Amino acid sequence: MAPQTTSFQLEDHDLPRGGRTRIAPTPSGYLHAGNAINFLITSKLAQVLGSSIHLRIDDLDAERVRTEYVEDIFRSLDWLGIEWQSGPTGPDDHLMNWSQQMRLERYGLMAKELRSTGLVYGCTCTRSQLQEHNAEGRYPGTCRSVGHSLEALENTWRLHVMDPTMIEINGLNGRTELVDLVSVMGDPVIRQRSVGNEMPRVAYQLASLADDLDQGITWIVRGKDLLASTACQLHIADLLGLEQFEQVRFLHHRLEMDDEGRKLSKSDGATSLKAMRKAGVSPQVFERKADMVIREFFSP
C-alpha cells in the first residue's frame, strides 16, 4: 500500500504539476532511516503533484556494490509501501537492464564535451593531501595552473570554477537559494584517476546529471548534504547549455542524525532499515517525519 498523502494543502505554492521525479539510492550499504524519510517525501509529493517516480540505483562505484545491498533497496521500498512507475522491478532486472555500468559511454561523452570548454585540467592531488589543507576536502586549486596532462590515466580531471560563481537553485516551494560554488566545493572532480588496470571513471556529478537529463526528471528531493552537488550540476548544465536541467526544482531537507548528533551512515547496525524491519518498527514512524519535513519546507 502506498504511503498516505500529506494532510495539508499546497495550493498556495507555484508547484510544478505532473512531470517526473526519482528515487536514486546508492547500493553501498544497508539503507537507513534518512533514506526512508527521503523516499517518503518524494512519494508523498509525487502523489500531490501527479508526478511519476523513476527508480534509479546509483551503482556507478561498482567496487562498493553488493548483491545484498541491491536486494535491500527493493525490500525497503516494499516495506515502506512506495510504488514507482519506471525503472527496475527487481535486482535481476536492474543488473540486466538498468545498471549505470551500461551507461559509461554516455557519461564519458559528457566528460569530453566538458573538456572542450577549456576549463578542465589534470590534477595529481590525493584525498589525504587535500584533507591536510581542508578538513572538508574542498579543493584549493593546487594543480590548476601546473599543466598536468589530461591524457595521463593516473591524473584526475577537475573543472576550473571561476571565483565567484554564484548558483541559483530553484526550490520546489517557489523560493530560490544562492550558493557560492567556490566556497562549498572549489574545483570539482569530473573524472576519477585510473586505479590498477581499470579505466578512469567519471564522477558522480556527471553521471547524475546525465541520468536526470535522459530520464526527464523535473524535480528532485535531496538531503542538505547534496546542496553543493546540486550547485555543481547546475553549473555544469549551464556550461554545456543544458537548459532542461536548469529548470529542475529541488527540495533539500535536513538530515536524520544518530543519538550522537552524527549523520547516519549505511551499515548493518540498529539504524539500518533491515534491523528495524526485524525489530518490528512501523514505517509510519518515518511517514510522520516525512510529513514534518514537508510542512517545514513549505511553511511561510
C-alpha atoms as a PDB file:
ATOM      1  CA  MET A   1       0.000   0.000   0.000  1.00  0.00           C
ATOM      2  CA  ALA A   2       1.359   3.410  -0.983  1.00  0.00           C
ATOM      3  CA  PRO A   3       2.137   5.928   1.776  1.00  0.00           C
ATOM      4  CA  GLN A   4      -0.767   8.215   2.641  1.00  0.00           C
ATOM      5  CA  THR A   5      -0.638  11.634   1.062  1.00  0.00           C
ATOM      6  CA  THR A   6       0.086  14.571   3.306  1.00  0.00           C
ATOM      7  CA  SER A   7      -2.869  16.010   5.199  1.00  0.00           C
ATOM      8  CA  PHE A   8      -2.158  19.655   4.326  1.00  0.00           C
ATOM      9  CA  GLN A   9      -2.778  21.709   1.215  1.00  0.00           C
ATOM     10  CA  LEU A  10      -0.105  23.137  -1.077  1.00  0.00           C
ATOM     11  CA  GLU A  11      -2.301  25.239  -3.368  1.00  0.00           C
ATOM     12  CA  ASP A  12      -0.642  28.469  -2.240  1.00  0.00           C
ATOM     13  CA  HIS A  13       2.641  27.435  -3.843  1.00  0.00           C
ATOM     14  CA  ASP A  14       3.613  27.621  -7.513  1.00  0.00           C
ATOM     15  CA  LEU A  15       4.203  23.899  -7.806  1.00  0.00           C
ATOM     16  CA  PRO A  16       5.166  22.016 -10.973  1.00  0.00           C
ATOM     17  CA  ARG A  17       2.256  19.701 -11.733  1.00  0.00           C
ATOM     18  CA  GLY A  18       2.849  16.360 -13.395  1.00  0.00           C
ATOM     19  CA  GLY A  19       6.401  15.752 -14.537  1.00  0.00           C
ATOM     20  CA  ARG A  20       8.724  13.132 -13.166  1.00  0.00           C
ATOM     21  CA  THR A  21      10.866  12.738 -10.085  1.00  0.00           C
ATOM     22  CA  ARG A  22      13.192   9.976  -8.991  1.00  0.00           C
ATOM     23  CA  ILE A  23      14.368   7.867  -6.092  1.00  0.00           C
ATOM     24  CA  ALA A  24      18.094   7.181  -6.512  1.00  0.00           C
ATOM     25  CA  PRO A  25      19.697   5.165  -3.690  1.00  0.00           C
ATOM     26  CA  THR A  26      23.314   4.017  -3.762  1.00  0.00           C
ATOM     27  CA  PRO A  27      23.862   0.282  -3.020  1.00  0.00           C
ATOM     28  CA  SER A  28      26.984   0.824  -0.918  1.00  0.00           C
ATOM     29  CA  GLY A  29      25.430  -0.398   2.334  1.00  0.00           C
ATOM     30  CA  TYR A  30      22.106  -1.153   4.004  1.00  0.00           C
ATOM     31  CA  LEU A  31      19.660   1.748   3.798  1.00  0.00           C
ATOM     32  CA  HIS A  32      18.953   3.779   6.934  1.00  0.00           C
ATOM     33  CA  ALA A  33      16.220   5.976   8.416  1.00  0.00           C
ATOM     34  CA  GLY A  34      17.354   9.009   6.442  1.00  0.00           C
ATOM     35  CA  ASN A  35      16.866   7.124   3.181  1.00  0.00           C
ATOM     36  CA  ALA A  36      13.361   6.097   4.240  1.00  0.00           C
ATOM     37  CA  ILE A  37      12.376   9.689   5.015  1.00  0.00           C
ATOM     38  CA  ASN A  38      13.777  10.900   1.696  1.00  0.00           C
ATOM     39  CA  PHE A  39      11.889   8.230  -0.251  1.00  0.00           C
ATOM     40  CA  LEU A  40       8.637   9.007   1.569  1.00  0.00           C
ATOM     41  CA  ILE A  41       8.940  12.757   0.987  1.00  0.00           C
ATOM     42  CA  THR A  42       9.367  12.019  -2.712  1.00  0.00           C
ATOM     43  CA  SER A  43       6.452   9.576  -2.801  1.00  0.00           C
ATOM     44  CA  LYS A  44       4.055  11.844  -0.901  1.00  0.00           C
ATOM     45  CA  LEU A  45       4.823  14.895  -3.028  1.00  0.00           C
ATOM     46  CA  ALA A  46       4.559  12.850  -6.228  1.00  0.00           C
ATOM     47  CA  GLN A  47       1.015  11.891  -5.235  1.00  0.00           C
ATOM     48  CA  VAL A  48       0.083  15.508  -4.518  1.00  0.00           C
ATOM     49  CA  LEU A  49       1.637  16.810  -7.747  1.00  0.00           C
ATOM     50  CA  GLY A  50       0.545  13.963 -10.002  1.00  0.00           C
ATOM     51  CA  SER A  51       4.162  13.151 -10.855  1.00  0.00           C
ATOM     52  CA  SER A  52       5.568   9.782 -11.847  1.00  0.00           C
ATOM     53  CA  ILE A  53       8.505   8.261  -9.960  1.00  0.00           C
ATOM     54  CA  HIS A  54      11.527   6.725 -11.643  1.00  0.00           C
ATOM     55  CA  LEU A  55      13.652   4.297  -9.624  1.00  0.00           C
ATOM     56  CA  ARG A  56      17.355   4.616 -10.328  1.00  0.00           C
ATOM     57  CA  ILE A  57      20.004   2.673  -8.447  1.00  0.00           C
ATOM     58  CA  ASP A  58      23.246   4.651  -8.489  1.00  0.00           C
ATOM     59  CA  ASP A  59      25.756   1.817  -8.834  1.00  0.00           C
ATOM     60  CA  LEU A  60      28.459   3.817 -10.628  1.00  0.00           C
ATOM     61  CA  ASP A  61      31.018   2.873  -7.955  1.00  0.00           C
ATOM     62  CA  ALA A  62      30.944  -0.834  -8.813  1.00  0.00           C
ATOM     63  CA  GLU A  63      33.617  -1.761  -6.258  1.00  0.00           C
ATOM     64  CA  ARG A  64      31.284  -0.877  -3.369  1.00  0.00           C
ATOM     65  CA  VAL A  65      28.170  -2.592  -4.711  1.00  0.00           C
ATOM     66  CA  ARG A  66      26.979  -5.817  -3.084  1.00  0.00           C
ATOM     67  CA  THR A  67      24.073  -8.002  -4.185  1.00  0.00           C
ATOM     68  CA  GLU A  68      22.598  -7.872  -0.685  1.00  0.00           C
ATOM     69  CA  TYR A  69      22.603  -4.068  -0.764  1.00  0.00           C
ATOM     70  CA  VAL A  70      20.678  -4.001  -4.044  1.00  0.00           C
ATOM     71  CA  GLU A  71      18.186  -6.518  -2.648  1.00  0.00           C
ATOM     72  CA  ASP A  72      17.799  -4.366   0.464  1.00  0.00           C
ATOM     73  CA  ILE A  73      16.681  -1.415  -1.668  1.00  0.00           C
ATOM     74  CA  PHE A  74      13.743  -3.361  -3.089  1.00  0.00           C
ATOM     75  CA  ARG A  75      12.831  -4.874   0.289  1.00  0.00           C
ATOM     76  CA  SER A  76      12.905  -1.420   1.878  1.00  0.00           C
ATOM     77  CA  LEU A  77      10.742   0.172  -0.807  1.00  0.00           C
ATOM     78  CA  ASP A  78       8.224  -2.655  -0.467  1.00  0.00           C
ATOM     79  CA  TRP A  79       8.221  -2.303   3.342  1.00  0.00           C
ATOM     80  CA  LEU A  80       7.617   1.444   3.048  1.00  0.00           C
ATOM     81  CA  GLY A  81       4.818   0.867   0.547  1.00  0.00           C
ATOM     82  CA  ILE A  82       6.441   3.006  -2.125  1.00  0.00           C
ATOM     83  CA  GLU A  83       5.471   2.478  -5.748  1.00  0.00           C
ATOM     84  CA  TRP A  84       7.339   3.657  -8.833  1.00  0.00           C
ATOM     85  CA  GLN A  85       6.294   3.847 -12.447  1.00  0.00           C
ATOM     86  CA  SER A  86       9.579   3.263 -14.290  1.00  0.00           C
ATOM     87  CA  GLY A  87      12.955   1.718 -13.621  1.00  0.00           C
ATOM     88  CA  PRO A  88      13.973  -1.770 -12.457  1.00  0.00           C
ATOM     89  CA  THR A  89      11.379  -4.108 -10.988  1.00  0.00           C
ATOM     90  CA  GLY A  90      13.902  -6.150  -9.013  1.00  0.00           C
ATOM     91  CA  PRO A  91      17.619  -6.889  -8.551  1.00  0.00           C
ATOM     92  CA  ASP A  92      17.929  -9.045 -11.680  1.00  0.00           C
ATOM     93  CA  ASP A  93      16.095  -6.535 -13.860  1.00  0.00           C
ATOM     94  CA  HIS A  94      18.366  -3.790 -12.540  1.00  0.00           C
ATOM     95  CA  LEU A  95      21.519  -5.736 -13.344  1.00  0.00           C
ATOM     96  CA  MET A  96      20.374  -6.714 -16.829  1.00  0.00           C
ATOM     97  CA  ASN A  97      18.675  -3.521 -17.997  1.00  0.00           C
ATOM     98  CA  TRP A  98      19.199  -0.516 -15.734  1.00  0.00           C
ATOM     99  CA  SER A  99      22.681  -0.508 -14.204  1.00  0.00           C
ATOM    100  CA  GLN A 100      24.740   2.664 -14.597  1.00  0.00           C
ATOM    101  CA  GLN A 101      27.554   0.403 -15.789  1.00  0.00           C
ATOM    102  CA  MET A 102      25.633   0.199 -19.073  1.00  0.00           C
ATOM    103  CA  ARG A 103      25.832   3.984 -19.500  1.00  0.00           C
ATOM    104  CA  LEU A 104      29.568   4.571 -19.108  1.00  0.00           C
ATOM    105  CA  GLU A 105      29.945   5.616 -22.748  1.00  0.00           C
ATOM    106  CA  ARG A 106      27.234   8.265 -22.286  1.00  0.00           C
ATOM    107  CA  TYR A 107      28.974   9.644 -19.209  1.00  0.00           C
ATOM    108  CA  GLY A 108      32.329   9.652 -20.972  1.00  0.00           C
ATOM    109  CA  LEU A 109      30.937  11.692 -23.855  1.00  0.00           C
ATOM    110  CA  MET A 110      29.665  14.313 -21.428  1.00  0.00           C
ATOM    111  CA  ALA A 111      33.109  14.477 -19.785  1.00  0.00           C
ATOM    112  CA  LYS A 112      34.716  15.032 -23.198  1.00  0.00           C
ATOM    113  CA  GLU A 113      32.173  17.722 -24.024  1.00  0.00           C
ATOM    114  CA  LEU A 114      33.013  19.490 -20.782  1.00  0.00           C
ATOM    115  CA  ARG A 115      36.713  19.168 -21.580  1.00  0.00           C
ATOM    116  CA  SER A 116      36.101  21.013 -24.844  1.00  0.00           C
ATOM    117  CA  THR A 117      35.175  24.149 -22.855  1.00  0.00           C
ATOM    118  CA  GLY A 118      38.864  24.587 -21.956  1.00  0.00           C
ATOM    119  CA  LEU A 119      38.059  24.661 -18.243  1.00  0.00           C
ATOM    120  CA  VAL A 120      39.187  21.111 -17.437  1.00  0.00           C
ATOM    121  CA  TYR A 121      42.695  20.412 -16.116  1.00  0.00           C
ATOM    122  CA  GLY A 122      44.708  17.477 -14.818  1.00  0.00           C
ATOM    123  CA  CYS A 123      45.237  17.019 -11.084  1.00  0.00           C
ATOM    124  CA  THR A 124      47.626  14.729  -9.178  1.00  0.00           C
ATOM    125  CA  CYS A 125      46.457  15.585  -5.635  1.00  0.00           C
ATOM    126  CA  THR A 126      45.348  12.711  -3.404  1.00  0.00           C
ATOM    127  CA  ARG A 127      42.430  12.831  -0.996  1.00  0.00           C
ATOM    128  CA  SER A 128      44.768  12.722   2.001  1.00  0.00           C
ATOM    129  CA  GLN A 129      46.746  15.673   0.635  1.00  0.00           C
ATOM    130  CA  LEU A 130      43.573  17.693   0.228  1.00  0.00           C
ATOM    131  CA  GLN A 131      42.402  16.932   3.755  1.00  0.00           C
ATOM    132  CA  GLU A 132      45.673  18.319   5.084  1.00  0.00           C
ATOM    133  CA  HIS A 133      44.676  21.695   3.620  1.00  0.00           C
ATOM    134  CA  ASN A 134      40.938  21.483   4.226  1.00  0.00           C
ATOM    135  CA  ALA A 135      39.136  19.088   6.567  1.00  0.00           C
ATOM    136  CA  GLU A 136      36.070  19.220   4.303  1.00  0.00           C
ATOM    137  CA  GLY A 137      38.109  18.200   1.261  1.00  0.00           C
ATOM    138  CA  ARG A 138      37.345  21.440  -0.614  1.00  0.00           C
ATOM    139  CA  TYR A 139      39.849  21.792  -3.428  1.00  0.00           C
ATOM    140  CA  PRO A 140      42.230  24.807  -3.136  1.00  0.00           C
ATOM    141  CA  GLY A 141      43.276  24.849  -6.808  1.00  0.00           C
ATOM    142  CA  THR A 142      46.750  23.359  -6.315  1.00  0.00           C
ATOM    143  CA  CYS A 143      47.117  21.913  -9.826  1.00  0.00           C
ATOM    144  CA  ARG A 144      45.033  24.471 -11.690  1.00  0.00           C
ATOM    145  CA  SER A 145      47.960  26.180 -13.435  1.00  0.00           C
ATOM    146  CA  VAL A 146      50.517  23.358 -13.404  1.00  0.00           C
ATOM    147  CA  GLY A 147      49.597  21.843 -16.765  1.00  0.00           C
ATOM    148  CA  HIS A 148      49.293  18.158 -15.832  1.00  0.00           C
ATOM    149  CA  SER A 149      48.307  16.023 -18.802  1.00  0.00           C
ATOM    150  CA  LEU A 150      44.665  15.182 -19.371  1.00  0.00           C
ATOM    151  CA  GLU A 151      45.772  12.153 -21.357  1.00  0.00           C
ATOM    152  CA  ALA A 152      47.551  10.516 -18.402  1.00  0.00           C
ATOM    153  CA  LEU A 153      45.130   7.982 -16.927  1.00  0.00           C
ATOM    154  CA  GLU A 154      46.632   8.409 -13.464  1.00  0.00           C
ATOM    155  CA  ASN A 155      45.536  12.064 -13.356  1.00  0.00           C
ATOM    156  CA  THR A 156      42.165  13.238 -12.117  1.00  0.00           C
ATOM    157  CA  TRP A 157      40.160  15.660 -14.255  1.00  0.00           C
ATOM    158  CA  ARG A 158      38.954  18.785 -12.467  1.00  0.00           C
ATOM    159  CA  LEU A 159      36.733  21.623 -13.613  1.00  0.00           C
ATOM    160  CA  HIS A 160      38.024  25.153 -13.038  1.00  0.00           C
ATOM    161  CA  VAL A 161      35.271  27.122 -11.300  1.00  0.00           C
ATOM    162  CA  MET A 162      35.767  30.871 -11.610  1.00  0.00           C
ATOM    163  CA  ASP A 163      35.598  32.927  -8.406  1.00  0.00           C
ATOM    164  CA  PRO A 164      32.931  33.969  -7.724  1.00  0.00           C
ATOM    165  CA  THR A 165      30.422  31.540  -9.238  1.00  0.00           C
ATOM    166  CA  MET A 166      27.021  32.054  -7.659  1.00  0.00           C
ATOM    167  CA  ILE A 167      24.480  29.340  -8.464  1.00  0.00           C
ATOM    168  CA  GLU A 168      20.747  29.936  -8.185  1.00  0.00           C
ATOM    169  CA  ILE A 169      18.829  26.846  -7.074  1.00  0.00           C
ATOM    170  CA  ASN A 170      15.087  26.835  -7.721  1.00  0.00           C
ATOM    171  CA  GLY A 171      13.206  25.396  -4.771  1.00  0.00           C
ATOM    172  CA  LEU A 172      10.113  23.252  -5.118  1.00  0.00           C
ATOM    173  CA  ASN A 173       8.386  25.770  -2.822  1.00  0.00           C
ATOM    174  CA  GLY A 174       8.918  28.599  -5.319  1.00  0.00           C
ATOM    175  CA  ARG A 175      11.826  30.164  -3.455  1.00  0.00           C
ATOM    176  CA  THR A 176      15.398  30.400  -4.684  1.00  0.00           C
ATOM    177  CA  GLU A 177      18.685  29.831  -2.893  1.00  0.00           C
ATOM    178  CA  LEU A 178      22.062  31.242  -3.884  1.00  0.00           C
ATOM    179  CA  VAL A 179      25.109  29.010  -3.401  1.00  0.00           C
ATOM    180  CA  ASP A 180      28.735  30.084  -3.817  1.00  0.00           C
ATOM    181  CA  LEU A 181      30.163  27.049  -5.608  1.00  0.00           C
ATOM    182  CA  VAL A 182      33.771  28.068  -4.971  1.00  0.00           C
ATOM    183  CA  SER A 183      33.274  28.219  -1.206  1.00  0.00           C
ATOM    184  CA  VAL A 184      31.291  24.982  -0.882  1.00  0.00           C
ATOM    185  CA  MET A 185      33.259  22.799  -3.299  1.00  0.00           C
ATOM    186  CA  GLY A 186      36.062  24.502  -5.177  1.00  0.00           C
ATOM    187  CA  ASP A 187      37.041  22.826  -8.448  1.00  0.00           C
ATOM    188  CA  PRO A 188      35.050  19.561  -8.627  1.00  0.00           C
ATOM    189  CA  VAL A 189      36.348  16.238  -9.917  1.00  0.00           C
ATOM    190  CA  ILE A 190      34.650  15.256 -13.155  1.00  0.00           C
ATOM    191  CA  ARG A 191      36.698  12.134 -13.910  1.00  0.00           C
ATOM    192  CA  GLN A 192      38.481   9.912 -11.395  1.00  0.00           C
ATOM    193  CA  ARG A 193      42.027   8.716 -11.886  1.00  0.00           C
ATOM    194  CA  SER A 194      42.647   5.171 -13.100  1.00  0.00           C
ATOM    195  CA  VAL A 195      43.060   2.550 -10.364  1.00  0.00           C
ATOM    196  CA  GLY A 196      45.051  -0.565 -11.240  1.00  0.00           C
ATOM    197  CA  ASN A 197      44.021  -1.873 -14.635  1.00  0.00           C
ATOM    198  CA  GLU A 198      40.635  -0.156 -14.537  1.00  0.00           C
ATOM    199  CA  MET A 199      39.819   2.677 -16.903  1.00  0.00           C
ATOM    200  CA  PRO A 200      39.106   6.087 -15.326  1.00  0.00           C
ATOM    201  CA  ARG A 201      35.533   6.513 -14.125  1.00  0.00           C
ATOM    202  CA  VAL A 202      33.541   9.719 -14.466  1.00  0.00           C
ATOM    203  CA  ALA A 203      32.493  11.375 -11.222  1.00  0.00           C
ATOM    204  CA  TYR A 204      29.043  11.222  -9.636  1.00  0.00           C
ATOM    205  CA  GLN A 205      28.321  14.811 -10.691  1.00  0.00           C
ATOM    206  CA  LEU A 206      28.356  13.970 -14.398  1.00  0.00           C
ATOM    207  CA  ALA A 207      26.624  10.593 -14.141  1.00  0.00           C
ATOM    208  CA  SER A 208      23.798  12.024 -12.034  1.00  0.00           C
ATOM    209  CA  LEU A 209      23.352  14.976 -14.387  1.00  0.00           C
ATOM    210  CA  ALA A 210      23.306  12.767 -17.494  1.00  0.00           C
ATOM    211  CA  ASP A 211      20.785  10.387 -15.931  1.00  0.00           C
ATOM    212  CA  ASP A 212      18.461  13.159 -14.753  1.00  0.00           C
ATOM    213  CA  LEU A 213      18.506  14.672 -18.236  1.00  0.00           C
ATOM    214  CA  ASP A 214      17.941  11.416 -20.106  1.00  0.00           C
ATOM    215  CA  GLN A 215      15.233  10.254 -17.690  1.00  0.00           C
ATOM    216  CA  GLY A 216      13.282  13.508 -17.946  1.00  0.00           C
ATOM    217  CA  ILE A 217      13.471  14.396 -14.255  1.00  0.00           C
ATOM    218  CA  THR A 218      11.697  17.679 -13.416  1.00  0.00           C
ATOM    219  CA  TRP A 219      12.035  17.852  -9.616  1.00  0.00           C
ATOM    220  CA  ILE A 220      14.318  16.234  -7.055  1.00  0.00           C
ATOM    221  CA  VAL A 221      14.299  15.622  -3.296  1.00  0.00           C
ATOM    222  CA  ARG A 222      17.760  15.544  -1.699  1.00  0.00           C
ATOM    223  CA  GLY A 223      19.407  15.881   1.681  1.00  0.00           C
ATOM    224  CA  LYS A 224      21.144  19.147   2.520  1.00  0.00           C
ATOM    225  CA  ASP A 225      24.464  17.301   2.273  1.00  0.00           C
ATOM    226  CA  LEU A 226      23.959  17.287  -1.511  1.00  0.00           C
ATOM    227  CA  LEU A 227      23.324  21.026  -1.833  1.00  0.00           C
ATOM    228  CA  ALA A 228      26.868  21.549  -3.145  1.00  0.00           C
ATOM    229  CA  SER A 229      26.373  18.727  -5.673  1.00  0.00           C
ATOM    230  CA  THR A 230      23.184  20.367  -6.905  1.00  0.00           C
ATOM    231  CA  ALA A 231      25.042  23.654  -7.387  1.00  0.00           C
ATOM    232  CA  CYS A 232      27.852  21.842  -9.208  1.00  0.00           C
ATOM    233  CA  GLN A 233      25.484  20.027 -11.562  1.00  0.00           C
ATOM    234  CA  LEU A 234      23.592  23.232 -12.341  1.00  0.00           C
ATOM    235  CA  HIS A 235      26.898  24.930 -13.150  1.00  0.00           C
ATOM    236  CA  ILE A 236      27.920  22.112 -15.495  1.00  0.00           C
ATOM    237  CA  ALA A 237      24.494  22.246 -17.144  1.00  0.00           C
ATOM    238  CA  ASP A 238      24.969  25.970 -17.712  1.00  0.00           C
ATOM    239  CA  LEU A 239      28.419  25.463 -19.251  1.00  0.00           C
ATOM    240  CA  LEU A 240      27.045  22.830 -21.632  1.00  0.00           C
ATOM    241  CA  GLY A 241      23.879  24.740 -22.497  1.00  0.00           C
ATOM    242  CA  LEU A 242      21.596  22.123 -20.929  1.00  0.00           C
ATOM    243  CA  GLU A 243      18.594  24.350 -20.255  1.00  0.00           C
ATOM    244  CA  GLN A 244      16.385  21.361 -19.436  1.00  0.00           C
ATOM    245  CA  PHE A 245      18.258  20.706 -16.187  1.00  0.00           C
ATOM    246  CA  GLU A 246      18.348  24.382 -15.273  1.00  0.00           C
ATOM    247  CA  GLN A 247      14.539  24.214 -14.996  1.00  0.00           C
ATOM    248  CA  VAL A 248      14.610  21.371 -12.449  1.00  0.00           C
ATOM    249  CA  ARG A 249      13.324  22.287  -8.978  1.00  0.00           C
ATOM    250  CA  PHE A 250      14.671  20.961  -5.697  1.00  0.00           C
ATOM    251  CA  LEU A 251      13.819  20.211  -2.099  1.00  0.00           C
ATOM    252  CA  HIS A 252      16.885  19.894   0.135  1.00  0.00           C
ATOM    253  CA  HIS A 253      15.822  18.521   3.510  1.00  0.00           C
ATOM    254  CA  ARG A 254      17.579  18.361   6.849  1.00  0.00           C
ATOM    255  CA  LEU A 255      19.451  15.174   7.634  1.00  0.00           C
ATOM    256  CA  GLU A 256      18.476  12.452  10.065  1.00  0.00           C
ATOM    257  CA  MET A 257      21.090  12.167  12.820  1.00  0.00           C
ATOM    258  CA  ASP A 258      22.071   9.415  15.257  1.00  0.00           C
ATOM    259  CA  ASP A 259      21.985   9.760  19.053  1.00  0.00           C
ATOM    260  CA  GLU A 260      25.433  11.384  18.976  1.00  0.00           C
ATOM    261  CA  GLY A 261      24.328  14.039  16.502  1.00  0.00           C
ATOM    262  CA  ARG A 262      26.205  12.479  13.599  1.00  0.00           C
ATOM    263  CA  LYS A 263      24.925  11.925  10.087  1.00  0.00           C
ATOM    264  CA  LEU A 264      23.625   8.381   9.625  1.00  0.00           C
ATOM    265  CA  SER A 265      25.755   6.039   7.538  1.00  0.00           C
ATOM    266  CA  LYS A 266      24.835   2.880   5.686  1.00  0.00           C
ATOM    267  CA  SER A 267      25.533  -0.118   7.918  1.00  0.00           C
ATOM    268  CA  ASP A 268      24.043  -3.285   9.339  1.00  0.00           C
ATOM    269  CA  GLY A 269      23.570  -1.587  12.717  1.00  0.00           C
ATOM    270  CA  ALA A 270      20.470  -0.628  14.667  1.00  0.00           C
ATOM    271  CA  THR A 271      19.790   2.407  12.442  1.00  0.00           C
ATOM    272  CA  SER A 272      19.531   0.323   9.265  1.00  0.00           C
ATOM    273  CA  LEU A 273      16.094  -0.326   7.807  1.00  0.00           C
ATOM    274  CA  LYS A 274      16.991  -4.004   7.711  1.00  0.00           C
ATOM    275  CA  ALA A 275      17.398  -4.055  11.503  1.00  0.00           C
ATOM    276  CA  MET A 276      14.245  -2.004  12.015  1.00  0.00           C
ATOM    277  CA  ARG A 277      12.167  -4.369   9.908  1.00  0.00           C
ATOM    278  CA  LYS A 278      13.379  -7.283  12.009  1.00  0.00           C
ATOM    279  CA  ALA A 279      12.619  -5.356  15.195  1.00  0.00           C
ATOM    280  CA  GLY A 280       9.038  -4.727  14.107  1.00  0.00           C
ATOM    281  CA  VAL A 281       9.341  -0.962  13.695  1.00  0.00           C
ATOM    282  CA  SER A 282       6.365   0.529  11.839  1.00  0.00           C
ATOM    283  CA  PRO A 283       7.012   2.521   8.638  1.00  0.00           C
ATOM    284  CA  GLN A 284       4.528   5.071   9.986  1.00  0.00           C
ATOM    285  CA  VAL A 285       7.350   6.387  12.176  1.00  0.00           C
ATOM    286  CA  PHE A 286       9.063   7.616   9.033  1.00  0.00           C
ATOM    287  CA  GLU A 287       5.834   8.818   7.433  1.00  0.00           C
ATOM    288  CA  ARG A 288       5.317  11.229  10.327  1.00  0.00           C
ATOM    289  CA  LYS A 289       8.866  12.537   9.965  1.00  0.00           C
ATOM    290  CA  ALA A 290       8.430  12.955   6.212  1.00  0.00           C
ATOM    291  CA  ASP A 291       5.232  14.951   6.787  1.00  0.00           C
ATOM    292  CA  MET A 292       7.099  17.164   9.244  1.00  0.00           C
ATOM    293  CA  VAL A 293       9.864  17.905   6.739  1.00  0.00           C
ATOM    294  CA  ILE A 294       7.339  18.774   4.027  1.00  0.00           C
ATOM    295  CA  ARG A 295       5.482  21.137   6.362  1.00  0.00           C
ATOM    296  CA  GLU A 296       8.726  22.869   7.308  1.00  0.00           C
ATOM    297  CA  PHE A 297       9.798  23.274   3.692  1.00  0.00           C
ATOM    298  CA  PHE A 298       6.500  24.759   2.524  1.00  0.00           C
ATOM    299  CA  SER A 299       5.809  26.886   5.615  1.00  0.00           C
ATOM    300  CA  PRO A 300       5.670  30.686   5.054  1.00  0.00           C
END
